[in-house]
Amino acid sequence: MSNFGAYALPILIAVIVICGIIKKVGVFDCFTDGVKQLLTSSLGILPSLMGLIFAVSLLKASGGLDLIVKLLTPVAEFLGIPSQAMPLAVVSPVSGSGSLAVFEGILSEFGPDSFIGRVASVMVGSSETSLYAVTVYYGAVAVKRTRHTIAAALTADMTCFIVSAMTVRLFM
């Protein structure tokens, strides 16, 4: 039973092919149609995604991230968020890989069992890359006006960061 994971995908593929044969569906034709739709969707979101990646890279390289963290630190400390976790709070809504890199740096510097490490752990586990998700999903369906989505998503992220610090302070 311990090797079931190695066989799960081949078994799933076999079941799909067998069901397609039983129902007389052209499995390969359906597969190729799906790949065409994937490529079309990927090309549709590529400009938005590239713009987001460029903006994040520019923000990091220019020192803008450090400036934003410095400006938001007094507000964060007032809200109970450790200032050392602020880079994670700033990067997290924008970049998943960037936030993981910042998270790793926090754990390396402060340790996973420190207050800061625990707050960062809860932040990473409970937050979403909101701006990335809006870019990808709205770009896929060609939505130009996001209306209240970004404000609502960033409010949810801020709530997550505040509650992360409160939760760690109260329960850990």
Protein backbone atom coordinates (compact mmCIF):
# COMPACT_ATOMS: atom_id res chain seq x y z
CA MET A 1 0.00 0.00 0.00
CA SER A 2 2.93 2.35 0.54
CA ASN A 3 3.73 2.38 -3.21
CA PHE A 4 0.17 3.27 -4.22
CA GLY A 5 1.26 6.88 -4.88
CA ALA A 6 3.58 5.72 -7.64
CA TYR A 7 0.68 3.97 -9.39
CA ALA A 8 -2.06 6.55 -8.75
CA LEU A 9 -1.54 8.61 -11.91
CA PRO A 10 -1.20 5.64 -14.31
CA ILE A 11 -4.30 4.06 -12.75
CA LEU A 12 -6.24 7.33 -13.12
CA ILE A 13 -5.21 7.66 -16.76
CA ALA A 14 -6.19 4.03 -17.43
CA VAL A 15 -9.61 4.57 -15.81
CA ILE A 16 -10.22 7.69 -17.92
CA VAL A 17 -9.23 5.88 -21.14
CA ILE A 18 -11.37 2.82 -20.28
CA CYS A 19 -14.39 5.00 -19.45
CA GLY A 20 -13.89 6.88 -22.73
CA ILE A 21 -13.76 3.62 -24.69
CA ILE A 22 -16.88 2.29 -22.94
CA LYS A 23 -18.80 5.51 -23.66
CA LYS A 24 -17.42 5.60 -27.23
CA VAL A 25 -15.71 8.97 -26.76
CA GLY A 26 -12.62 9.90 -28.77
CA VAL A 27 -10.25 10.16 -25.78
CA PHE A 28 -7.27 11.35 -27.80
CA ASP A 29 -9.39 13.96 -29.64
CA CYS A 30 -10.69 15.26 -26.30
CA PHE A 31 -7.13 15.39 -24.99
CA THR A 32 -5.85 17.39 -27.97
CA ASP A 33 -8.84 19.78 -27.75
CA GLY A 34 -8.03 20.34 -24.10
CA VAL A 35 -4.39 21.07 -24.90
CA LYS A 36 -5.49 23.60 -27.56
CA GLN A 37 -7.70 25.34 -24.99
CA LEU A 38 -4.83 25.34 -22.50
CA LEU A 39 -2.50 26.97 -25.01
CA THR A 40 -5.10 29.58 -25.92
CA SER A 41 -5.71 30.41 -22.24
CA SER A 42 -1.97 30.52 -21.54
CA LEU A 43 -1.37 32.95 -24.38
CA GLY A 44 -4.26 35.08 -23.14
CA ILE A 45 -2.84 35.51 -19.63
CA LEU A 46 0.82 35.76 -20.66
CA PRO A 47 0.93 39.58 -21.06
CA SER A 48 -0.62 40.17 -17.62
CA LEU A 49 1.62 37.59 -16.02
CA MET A 50 4.76 39.00 -17.61
CA GLY A 51 3.78 42.50 -16.46
CA LEU A 52 3.33 41.27 -12.90
CA ILE A 53 6.66 39.42 -12.90
CA PHE A 54 8.41 42.51 -14.29
CA ALA A 55 6.81 44.76 -11.67
CA VAL A 56 7.85 42.47 -8.80
CA SER A 57 11.41 42.22 -10.11
CA LEU A 58 11.59 45.98 -10.53
CA LEU A 59 10.24 46.55 -7.03
CA LYS A 60 12.87 44.27 -5.50
CA ALA A 61 15.80 45.53 -7.56
CA SER A 62 15.01 49.23 -7.11
CA GLY A 63 14.80 49.09 -3.32
CA GLY A 64 11.09 49.90 -3.49
CA LEU A 65 10.25 46.83 -1.41
CA ASP A 66 12.53 48.03 1.39
CA LEU A 67 10.95 51.50 1.23
CA ILE A 68 7.41 50.10 1.40
CA VAL A 69 8.36 47.88 4.35
CA LYS A 70 9.93 50.83 6.13
CA LEU A 71 6.84 52.99 5.59
CA LEU A 72 4.43 50.27 6.75
CA THR A 73 6.43 49.10 9.78
CA PRO A 74 4.93 51.61 12.29
CA VAL A 75 1.40 50.65 11.23
CA ALA A 76 2.27 46.95 11.43
CA GLU A 77 3.75 47.27 14.91
CA PHE A 78 0.63 49.15 16.03
CA LEU A 79 -1.46 46.25 14.69
CA GLY A 80 0.74 43.68 16.44
CA ILE A 81 2.56 42.37 13.38
CA PRO A 82 6.30 41.98 14.00
CA SER A 83 8.31 44.36 11.80
CA GLN A 84 10.58 41.48 10.77
CA ALA A 85 7.59 39.79 9.11
CA MET A 86 6.65 42.87 7.09
CA PRO A 87 8.63 41.92 3.97
CA LEU A 88 6.57 38.71 3.88
CA ALA A 89 3.34 40.67 4.25
CA VAL A 90 4.30 42.98 1.38
CA VAL A 91 5.51 40.27 -1.03
CA SER A 92 2.88 37.63 -0.23
CA PRO A 93 -0.05 39.17 -2.17
CA VAL A 94 2.14 39.58 -5.24
CA SER A 95 4.46 36.59 -5.59
CA GLY A 96 4.25 33.06 -4.24
CA SER A 97 7.87 32.18 -4.95
CA GLY A 98 9.02 35.57 -3.66
CA SER A 99 7.08 35.11 -0.44
CA LEU A 100 8.55 31.64 0.04
CA ALA A 101 12.05 33.08 -0.37
CA VAL A 102 11.30 35.80 2.20
CA PHE A 103 9.74 33.18 4.49
CA GLU A 104 12.83 31.00 4.26
CA GLY A 105 14.98 34.00 5.15
CA ILE A 106 12.83 34.74 8.20
CA LEU A 107 13.06 31.13 9.40
CA SER A 108 16.83 31.07 8.81
CA GLU A 109 17.37 34.28 10.74
CA PHE A 110 14.90 33.92 13.61
CA GLY A 111 14.13 30.18 13.71
CA PRO A 112 10.82 28.40 13.24
CA ASP A 113 9.99 28.34 16.96
CA SER A 114 10.46 32.07 17.55
CA PHE A 115 7.47 34.40 17.72
CA ILE A 116 8.47 35.93 14.38
CA GLY A 117 8.96 32.49 12.79
CA ARG A 118 5.58 31.31 14.00
CA VAL A 119 3.80 34.45 12.81
CA ALA A 120 5.49 34.10 9.42
CA SER A 121 4.48 30.42 9.28
CA VAL A 122 0.83 31.22 9.95
CA MET A 123 0.97 34.09 7.44
CA VAL A 124 2.34 31.85 4.68
CA GLY A 125 -0.15 29.10 5.44
CA SER A 126 -3.20 31.31 5.50
CA SER A 127 -2.60 33.98 2.87
CA GLU A 128 -3.06 34.03 -0.87
CA THR A 129 -1.10 35.59 -3.70
CA SER A 130 -4.08 37.84 -4.35
CA LEU A 131 -2.69 40.11 -7.05
CA TYR A 132 -1.21 37.14 -8.88
CA ALA A 133 -4.55 35.29 -8.71
CA VAL A 134 -6.48 38.32 -9.97
CA THR A 135 -3.99 38.75 -12.81
CA VAL A 136 -4.15 35.12 -13.88
CA TYR A 137 -7.87 34.44 -13.47
CA TYR A 138 -9.18 37.75 -14.74
CA GLY A 139 -6.64 37.69 -17.56
CA ALA A 140 -7.84 34.22 -18.57
CA VAL A 141 -11.39 35.46 -19.08
CA ALA A 142 -10.34 38.90 -20.42
CA VAL A 143 -11.84 40.95 -17.57
CA LYS A 144 -10.48 44.50 -17.83
CA ARG A 145 -12.15 46.16 -14.82
CA THR A 146 -11.67 44.34 -11.54
CA ARG A 147 -13.95 46.78 -9.67
CA HIS A 148 -13.74 45.93 -5.94
CA THR A 149 -11.85 42.66 -6.27
CA ILE A 150 -8.37 44.00 -5.56
CA ALA A 151 -9.46 46.13 -2.60
CA ALA A 152 -11.38 43.19 -1.13
CA ALA A 153 -8.48 40.78 -1.70
CA LEU A 154 -5.93 43.13 -0.11
CA THR A 155 -8.28 43.71 2.82
CA ALA A 156 -8.53 39.95 3.28
CA ASP A 157 -4.73 39.68 3.15
CA MET A 158 -4.31 42.43 5.75
CA THR A 159 -6.87 40.72 7.97
CA CYS A 160 -4.93 37.47 7.56
CA PHE A 161 -1.68 39.14 8.65
CA ILE A 162 -3.24 40.77 11.71
CA VAL A 163 -5.06 37.60 12.76
CA SER A 164 -1.88 35.57 12.21
CA ALA A 165 -0.02 37.68 14.76
CA MET A 166 -2.98 37.60 17.17
CA THR A 167 -3.37 33.84 16.86
CA VAL A 168 0.30 33.17 17.55
CA ARG A 169 0.27 35.60 20.47
CA LEU A 170 -2.84 33.98 22.01
CA PHE A 171 -2.32 30.28 21.33
CA MET A 172 1.38 29.56 20.92
